[in-house]
Amino acid sequence: MKIKPFELERYFAQHEFAAKYLLSSSDCDPLKLSEILEMADTESLALWDKLKLAYTESTGHPILKQEISKLHSSIAPDEINVMIPEEGIFIAMNCILEKGNHVITTFPGYQSLYEIANSLGCEVSKWKPEFNKGWKFNLNNLKSLIRKDTKLLVINFPHNPTGATISAKELNEIVELCRKQNIILFSDEMYRFLEYRETDQLPSASDIYENAISLFGMSKSFALPGLRIGWLSSKNKEMMQKISEFKDYTTICNNAPGEILSIIALRNKTKIVERNLKIISKNLSILDTFFNKYNHLFEWHRPVASSISLVKLKGETPINKFCSKLVEQQKVMLLPATVYRFEGNYFRIGFARKNLKEGLNKLEKFILNAI
């Protein structure tokens, strides 16, 4: 396989650990090991104390899979395969696609959601959002992209990087479109439960469509990206068997400490998600004030979900130049939308870190010095 460099990850590799303030982080403020262990009940603490750093079960710890199944309405533990989130995308795409297949994907997006298909020789059509006082995905635009030979539809809601989402009714309509034409649905749900209103929460696609594969994990909604624990779920047993067989050529099994820590976190999921939504809510109010003050420089509309959104930089300064000078002069990292190959003078801002205000103070200093 010949695959293009992952531009977003290359950008983070260059700046993430050099910049003091990350204003474009997509994860929630990471929890400490001590905080997770304090949440442990008697059973999970015993699992941690007796943990051996040995090989683990290939599809995931049985207790972890039980906890994951509780996030669903109809997915059973044996319909789940635990793996690194990025690995889940890579494996699923390789198991589903062949050269010449037609694929539709939400765009902009996490590069592997479409680049792996490109590298396999597939034809990729992009379902792009419309911008009108916020980002929205129009189902009519999706319908116009569907062909008789469409093999796979890739969706990501809540959406990275816009923070847009769709309604449960729209998700059901997408499922019916797929079912009618026997299209496989790959649903990236890494920001699930980070909807600001409970009424906006979507069911997992794997719960409502027999040919859907859902991706979820600990990195975003549960503030534990360092565990490198994610999973795929599907009722399509043949596809899940292929995924298990392919995984024998990647990681084989998962890291043992990460699985036990994930069990503890998922048993405290409500507490962790509420903590993250509280950080997001506070930071959104701070951003409202900041962008209102500088509305001559930025166009900002509150998203409806997730920990990130795209903001437009007004004026003639190219976004690459703006972000480059900002990190150089103030050690503040913003992510230019050019890393997504997305048109327009946009940057991604993340607002689930506790030090957002400190980063904004540096951004303000940069703006005032430039003026």
Protein backbone atom coordinates (compact mmCIF):
# COMPACT_ATOMS: atom_id res chain seq x y z
CA MET A 1 0.00 0.00 0.00
CA LYS A 2 1.23 3.47 -0.95
CA ILE A 3 -0.40 6.03 1.31
CA LYS A 4 0.03 9.80 1.55
CA PRO A 5 1.42 11.41 4.70
CA PHE A 6 -1.21 12.11 7.37
CA GLU A 7 -1.08 15.91 7.23
CA LEU A 8 -2.90 16.59 10.50
CA GLU A 9 -0.73 14.18 12.46
CA ARG A 10 2.44 15.53 10.81
CA TYR A 11 1.38 19.06 11.85
CA PHE A 12 0.79 17.91 15.43
CA ALA A 13 4.11 16.06 15.45
CA GLN A 14 5.82 19.32 14.52
CA HIS A 15 4.07 21.61 16.99
CA GLU A 16 2.16 19.71 19.69
CA PHE A 17 5.00 19.27 22.16
CA ALA A 18 6.82 22.49 21.28
CA ALA A 19 3.82 24.76 21.79
CA LYS A 20 2.94 25.66 25.37
CA TYR A 21 -0.73 26.27 24.64
CA LEU A 22 -2.78 23.92 22.46
CA LEU A 23 -5.85 25.78 21.26
CA SER A 24 -6.70 23.11 18.71
CA SER A 25 -6.73 19.94 20.82
CA SER A 26 -9.61 17.64 19.93
CA ASP A 27 -9.61 15.67 23.18
CA CYS A 28 -11.00 16.68 26.55
CA ASP A 29 -8.59 17.66 29.30
CA PRO A 30 -6.86 14.31 29.99
CA LEU A 31 -7.55 12.60 33.28
CA LYS A 32 -4.68 11.59 35.56
CA LEU A 33 -3.97 7.96 36.43
CA SER A 34 -4.59 8.77 40.09
CA GLU A 35 -8.02 10.23 39.25
CA ILE A 36 -9.07 7.06 37.42
CA LEU A 37 -7.83 4.74 40.18
CA GLU A 38 -9.76 6.78 42.76
CA MET A 39 -12.94 5.90 40.82
CA ALA A 40 -12.29 2.14 40.91
CA ASP A 41 -14.81 -0.15 42.56
CA THR A 42 -13.73 -3.26 44.48
CA GLU A 43 -13.79 -5.59 41.45
CA SER A 44 -11.93 -3.31 39.05
CA LEU A 45 -9.36 -2.36 41.71
CA ALA A 46 -8.70 -6.08 42.21
CA LEU A 47 -8.23 -6.45 38.44
CA TRP A 48 -5.69 -3.62 38.55
CA ASP A 49 -3.80 -4.97 41.58
CA LYS A 50 -3.55 -8.48 40.10
CA LEU A 51 -2.74 -7.29 36.58
CA LYS A 52 0.03 -9.17 34.77
CA LEU A 53 1.69 -7.51 31.79
CA ALA A 54 0.99 -10.50 29.59
CA TYR A 55 -0.75 -10.95 26.25
CA THR A 56 -4.47 -10.17 26.36
CA GLU A 57 -7.49 -11.63 24.59
CA SER A 58 -7.38 -10.59 20.95
CA THR A 59 -10.85 -9.05 20.75
CA GLY A 60 -10.62 -7.44 24.17
CA HIS A 61 -11.02 -8.17 27.86
CA PRO A 62 -14.45 -9.84 28.42
CA ILE A 63 -15.37 -7.43 31.23
CA LEU A 64 -14.36 -4.44 29.11
CA LYS A 65 -16.57 -5.68 26.27
CA GLN A 66 -19.45 -6.04 28.72
CA GLU A 67 -18.99 -2.41 29.79
CA ILE A 68 -18.80 -1.27 26.15
CA SER A 69 -22.03 -3.13 25.34
CA LYS A 70 -23.78 -0.99 27.97
CA LEU A 71 -23.20 2.02 25.70
CA HIS A 72 -25.51 0.32 23.18
CA SER A 73 -29.14 -0.73 23.04
CA SER A 74 -28.65 -4.02 21.19
CA ILE A 75 -24.93 -4.76 20.64
CA ALA A 76 -23.67 -7.83 22.52
CA PRO A 77 -20.11 -8.24 23.85
CA ASP A 78 -19.31 -10.77 21.11
CA GLU A 79 -20.15 -8.10 18.50
CA ILE A 80 -17.29 -5.87 19.72
CA ASN A 81 -13.57 -5.90 18.89
CA VAL A 82 -11.28 -3.72 21.02
CA MET A 83 -8.31 -2.07 19.31
CA ILE A 84 -6.55 1.27 18.84
CA PRO A 85 -9.04 3.76 17.32
CA GLU A 86 -6.88 4.55 14.27
CA GLU A 87 -6.28 0.83 13.82
CA GLY A 88 -10.03 0.32 13.72
CA ILE A 89 -10.34 2.62 10.72
CA PHE A 90 -7.39 1.02 8.94
CA ILE A 91 -8.58 -2.53 9.47
CA ALA A 92 -12.23 -1.89 8.63
CA MET A 93 -11.40 -0.09 5.38
CA ASN A 94 -9.07 -2.88 4.30
CA CYS A 95 -11.69 -5.52 5.08
CA ILE A 96 -14.54 -3.71 3.31
CA LEU A 97 -12.97 -2.13 0.24
CA GLU A 98 -11.40 -3.24 -3.01
CA LYS A 99 -9.90 -1.30 -5.89
CA GLY A 100 -12.56 0.47 -7.94
CA ASN A 101 -15.21 0.67 -5.17
CA HIS A 102 -17.19 3.88 -4.78
CA VAL A 103 -17.03 5.47 -1.34
CA ILE A 104 -18.81 8.52 0.08
CA THR A 105 -17.44 10.28 3.15
CA THR A 106 -18.19 13.31 5.27
CA PHE A 107 -15.59 15.98 4.52
CA PRO A 108 -13.51 17.63 5.89
CA GLY A 109 -12.57 14.89 8.27
CA TYR A 110 -9.98 12.71 9.90
CA GLN A 111 -7.73 11.89 6.96
CA SER A 112 -7.70 8.11 7.34
CA LEU A 113 -11.48 8.03 6.87
CA TYR A 114 -10.94 8.74 3.17
CA GLU A 115 -7.21 8.43 2.48
CA ILE A 116 -7.12 4.68 3.09
CA ALA A 117 -9.87 4.29 0.48
CA ASN A 118 -7.85 6.45 -1.91
CA SER A 119 -4.75 4.35 -1.33
CA LEU A 120 -6.72 1.18 -2.11
CA GLY A 121 -7.72 2.61 -5.48
CA CYS A 122 -11.31 3.52 -4.61
CA GLU A 123 -13.25 6.46 -6.01
CA VAL A 124 -14.14 8.83 -3.17
CA SER A 125 -16.98 11.37 -3.20
CA LYS A 126 -17.08 14.00 -0.45
CA TRP A 127 -20.21 15.02 1.44
CA LYS A 128 -19.41 18.58 2.50
CA PRO A 129 -21.27 20.74 5.02
CA GLU A 130 -22.96 24.04 4.26
CA PHE A 131 -22.14 27.13 6.31
CA ASN A 132 -24.97 29.45 7.33
CA LYS A 133 -24.61 30.76 10.87
CA GLY A 134 -23.08 27.42 11.73
CA TRP A 135 -22.15 24.19 9.97
CA LYS A 136 -24.84 21.82 8.68
CA PHE A 137 -24.82 18.63 6.58
CA ASN A 138 -27.66 18.58 4.04
CA LEU A 139 -29.08 15.12 3.33
CA ASN A 140 -30.12 16.17 -0.15
CA ASN A 141 -26.45 16.71 -0.96
CA LEU A 142 -25.70 13.22 0.29
CA LYS A 143 -28.47 11.69 -1.82
CA SER A 144 -27.02 13.32 -4.94
CA LEU A 145 -23.70 11.51 -4.34
CA ILE A 146 -25.13 8.00 -3.99
CA ARG A 147 -24.67 5.76 -7.01
CA LYS A 148 -25.82 2.27 -7.90
CA ASP A 149 -22.30 1.00 -7.29
CA THR A 150 -21.68 2.80 -3.97
CA LYS A 151 -20.06 0.29 -1.61
CA LEU A 152 -19.42 2.32 1.54
CA LEU A 153 -20.73 5.44 3.24
CA VAL A 154 -18.49 6.95 5.94
CA ILE A 155 -20.09 9.35 8.41
CA ASN A 156 -18.72 11.14 11.48
CA PHE A 157 -21.20 12.68 13.93
CA PRO A 158 -20.65 14.66 16.05
CA HIS A 159 -18.36 15.90 13.32
CA ASN A 160 -14.63 16.54 13.39
CA PRO A 161 -13.73 19.35 12.78
CA THR A 162 -16.93 21.44 12.54
CA GLY A 163 -18.82 20.31 15.64
CA ALA A 164 -21.93 19.77 13.51
CA THR A 165 -24.28 16.85 13.98
CA ILE A 166 -27.51 15.47 12.54
CA SER A 167 -30.80 14.47 14.12
CA ALA A 168 -31.81 10.92 15.01
CA LYS A 169 -34.43 11.20 12.26
CA GLU A 170 -31.74 12.08 9.73
CA LEU A 171 -29.56 9.20 10.92
CA ASN A 172 -32.48 6.82 10.42
CA GLU A 173 -32.97 8.23 6.94
CA ILE A 174 -29.30 7.60 6.16
CA VAL A 175 -29.68 4.02 7.40
CA GLU A 176 -32.69 3.47 5.13
CA LEU A 177 -30.75 4.86 2.15
CA CYS A 178 -27.96 2.38 2.89
CA ARG A 179 -30.30 -0.54 3.51
CA LYS A 180 -32.16 0.11 0.25
CA GLN A 181 -28.95 -0.12 -1.79
CA ASN A 182 -27.06 -2.56 0.44
CA ILE A 183 -24.41 0.05 1.27
CA ILE A 184 -22.13 -0.62 4.24
CA LEU A 185 -22.16 2.24 6.76
CA PHE A 186 -19.00 3.10 8.69
CA SER A 187 -19.88 5.46 11.54
CA ASP A 188 -17.09 7.30 13.35
CA GLU A 189 -18.65 8.03 16.75
CA MET A 190 -15.55 9.17 18.63
CA TYR A 191 -17.35 12.29 19.95
CA ARG A 192 -20.53 10.48 21.01
CA PHE A 193 -22.01 11.79 24.30
CA LEU A 194 -20.39 15.21 23.76
CA GLU A 195 -23.66 16.66 22.46
CA TYR A 196 -24.52 19.72 24.54
CA ARG A 197 -28.21 18.81 24.74
CA GLU A 198 -29.27 15.31 25.69
CA THR A 199 -32.01 15.47 23.05
CA ASP A 200 -29.30 15.73 20.35
CA GLN A 201 -27.62 12.45 21.32
CA LEU A 202 -27.62 9.91 18.51
CA PRO A 203 -27.94 6.15 18.79
CA SER A 204 -24.96 4.15 17.64
CA ALA A 205 -25.32 3.20 13.97
CA SER A 206 -24.41 -0.40 14.79
CA ASP A 207 -27.51 -0.61 16.99
CA ILE A 208 -29.92 0.34 14.23
CA TYR A 209 -28.43 -1.09 11.02
CA GLU A 210 -27.23 -4.63 10.47
CA ASN A 211 -24.55 -3.54 7.97
CA ALA A 212 -23.16 -0.67 10.04
CA ILE A 213 -19.77 -0.66 11.74
CA SER A 214 -19.36 1.85 14.56
CA LEU A 215 -16.07 3.23 15.85
CA PHE A 216 -15.82 4.56 19.40
CA GLY A 217 -13.16 4.76 22.07
CA MET A 218 -11.69 6.34 25.18
CA SER A 219 -9.79 9.19 23.51
CA LYS A 220 -12.34 12.02 23.23
CA SER A 221 -15.54 11.68 25.25
CA PHE A 222 -13.79 9.92 28.14
CA ALA A 223 -10.63 12.11 28.24
CA LEU A 224 -8.20 9.16 28.08
CA PRO A 225 -6.36 9.34 24.74
CA GLY A 226 -3.18 7.94 26.27
CA LEU A 227 -4.81 4.56 26.87
CA ARG A 228 -4.98 3.97 23.09
CA ILE A 229 -8.18 1.99 23.54
CA GLY A 230 -11.01 2.04 21.03
CA TRP A 231 -13.33 -0.51 19.45
CA LEU A 232 -15.45 -1.50 16.49
CA SER A 233 -18.97 -2.86 16.89
CA SER A 234 -21.26 -4.47 14.33
CA LYS A 235 -24.02 -7.05 13.97
CA ASN A 236 -22.41 -8.17 10.69
CA LYS A 237 -20.71 -11.31 11.98
CA GLU A 238 -18.92 -12.05 8.69
CA MET A 239 -17.38 -8.58 8.66
CA MET A 240 -16.37 -8.80 12.32
CA GLN A 241 -14.70 -12.15 11.64
CA LYS A 242 -12.68 -10.57 8.81
CA ILE A 243 -11.72 -7.73 11.14
CA SER A 244 -10.50 -10.22 13.78
CA GLU A 245 -8.42 -12.05 11.19
CA PHE A 246 -6.86 -8.83 9.86
CA LYS A 247 -5.98 -7.68 13.38
CA ASP A 248 -3.64 -10.68 13.64
CA TYR A 249 -1.36 -8.71 11.29
CA THR A 250 -1.49 -5.43 13.23
CA THR A 251 -1.50 -5.26 17.04
CA ILE A 252 -2.80 -8.82 17.66
CA CYS A 253 -4.08 -7.79 21.10
CA ASN A 254 -4.45 -4.71 23.30
CA ASN A 255 -2.36 -3.19 26.08
CA ALA A 256 -3.30 -4.79 29.38
CA PRO A 257 -3.21 -1.71 31.69
CA GLY A 258 -5.27 0.32 29.21
CA GLU A 259 -8.03 -2.27 29.20
CA ILE A 260 -8.39 -2.32 33.00
CA LEU A 261 -8.28 1.47 33.24
CA SER A 262 -10.96 1.62 30.53
CA ILE A 263 -13.18 -0.70 32.58
CA ILE A 264 -12.87 1.66 35.55
CA ALA A 265 -13.60 4.72 33.39
CA LEU A 266 -16.62 3.19 31.67
CA ARG A 267 -18.09 2.25 35.05
CA ASN A 268 -17.85 5.98 35.82
CA LYS A 269 -18.87 7.19 32.37
CA THR A 270 -21.62 9.54 33.55
CA LYS A 271 -19.29 11.30 35.98
CA ILE A 272 -16.53 11.65 33.36
CA VAL A 273 -18.79 12.89 30.57
CA GLU A 274 -20.46 15.41 32.90
CA ARG A 275 -17.00 16.66 33.91
CA ASN A 276 -16.01 17.11 30.26
CA LEU A 277 -19.26 18.84 29.28
CA LYS A 278 -18.82 21.24 32.20
CA ILE A 279 -15.36 22.22 30.90
CA ILE A 280 -16.74 22.65 27.39
CA SER A 281 -19.71 24.76 28.55
CA LYS A 282 -17.46 27.10 30.52
CA ASN A 283 -15.04 27.46 27.63
CA LEU A 284 -17.78 28.10 25.07
CA SER A 285 -18.88 31.12 27.12
CA ILE A 286 -15.28 32.36 27.17
CA LEU A 287 -15.04 31.91 23.39
CA ASP A 288 -18.33 33.73 22.84
CA THR A 289 -16.92 36.75 24.68
CA PHE A 290 -13.55 36.60 22.92
CA PHE A 291 -14.89 36.22 19.38
CA ASN A 292 -17.56 38.87 19.96
CA LYS A 293 -14.79 41.26 20.99
CA TYR A 294 -12.83 40.45 17.84
CA ASN A 295 -15.70 39.85 15.44
CA HIS A 296 -13.97 42.07 12.89
CA LEU A 297 -11.22 39.42 12.69
CA PHE A 298 -13.10 36.14 13.19
CA GLU A 299 -16.40 34.56 12.26
CA TRP A 300 -17.53 32.23 15.05
CA HIS A 301 -20.75 30.34 15.57
CA ARG A 302 -21.23 27.98 18.48
CA PRO A 303 -21.30 24.32 17.43
CA VAL A 304 -23.92 21.96 18.82
CA ALA A 305 -21.63 19.11 19.85
CA SER A 306 -18.05 17.90 20.38
CA SER A 307 -14.93 19.61 21.68
CA ILE A 308 -13.88 21.37 18.45
CA SER A 309 -15.12 23.64 15.70
CA LEU A 310 -13.93 25.55 12.64
CA VAL A 311 -13.56 29.33 12.89
CA LYS A 312 -13.09 31.64 9.91
CA LEU A 313 -10.24 34.14 9.85
CA LYS A 314 -11.41 37.28 8.08
CA GLY A 315 -9.16 39.48 5.97
CA GLU A 316 -6.36 38.73 3.55
CA THR A 317 -3.87 36.92 5.80
CA PRO A 318 -3.58 33.26 4.72
CA ILE A 319 -4.49 30.93 7.57
CA ASN A 320 -1.21 29.00 7.26
CA LYS A 321 0.77 32.19 7.80
CA PHE A 322 -1.43 33.25 10.73
CA CYS A 323 -1.06 29.91 12.52
CA SER A 324 2.67 29.67 11.79
CA LYS A 325 3.42 33.11 13.23
CA LEU A 326 1.20 32.47 16.25
CA VAL A 327 3.01 29.32 17.29
CA GLU A 328 6.39 30.91 16.58
CA GLN A 329 5.75 34.12 18.52
CA GLN A 330 3.43 33.04 21.32
CA LYS A 331 3.87 29.23 21.48
CA VAL A 332 0.14 28.85 20.81
CA MET A 333 -1.01 26.15 18.40
CA LEU A 334 -4.06 26.49 16.18
CA LEU A 335 -4.73 24.01 13.39
CA PRO A 336 -5.17 25.50 9.90
CA ALA A 337 -7.95 23.82 7.93
CA THR A 338 -5.49 23.41 5.08
CA VAL A 339 -4.28 20.23 6.80
CA TYR A 340 -7.70 18.82 5.93
CA ARG A 341 -7.33 20.10 2.34
CA PHE A 342 -10.47 22.11 3.05
CA GLU A 343 -11.10 25.32 1.14
CA GLY A 344 -11.46 28.60 2.99
CA ASN A 345 -9.54 30.57 5.59
CA TYR A 346 -10.51 28.44 8.58
CA PHE A 347 -8.75 27.08 11.64
CA ARG A 348 -9.77 24.39 14.12
CA ILE A 349 -10.17 25.46 17.70
CA GLY A 350 -10.48 23.04 20.60
CA PHE A 351 -12.26 24.04 23.80
CA ALA A 352 -12.18 21.11 26.21
CA ARG A 353 -8.89 21.93 27.92
CA LYS A 354 -8.84 23.71 31.27
CA ASN A 355 -6.14 26.21 30.22
CA LEU A 356 -8.09 27.62 27.26
CA LYS A 357 -8.22 31.11 28.77
CA GLU A 358 -4.44 31.26 29.12
CA GLY A 359 -4.06 30.32 25.46
CA LEU A 360 -6.62 32.94 24.43
CA ASN A 361 -4.69 35.59 26.37
CA LYS A 362 -1.64 34.74 24.27
CA LEU A 363 -3.73 34.79 21.09
CA GLU A 364 -5.05 38.22 22.07
CA LYS A 365 -1.50 39.47 22.66
CA PHE A 366 -0.54 38.19 19.21
CA ILE A 367 -3.51 39.97 17.61
CA LEU A 368 -2.79 43.28 19.36
CA ASN A 369 0.89 43.16 18.43
CA ALA A 370 -0.03 42.49 14.81
CA ILE A 371 -2.36 45.48 14.80
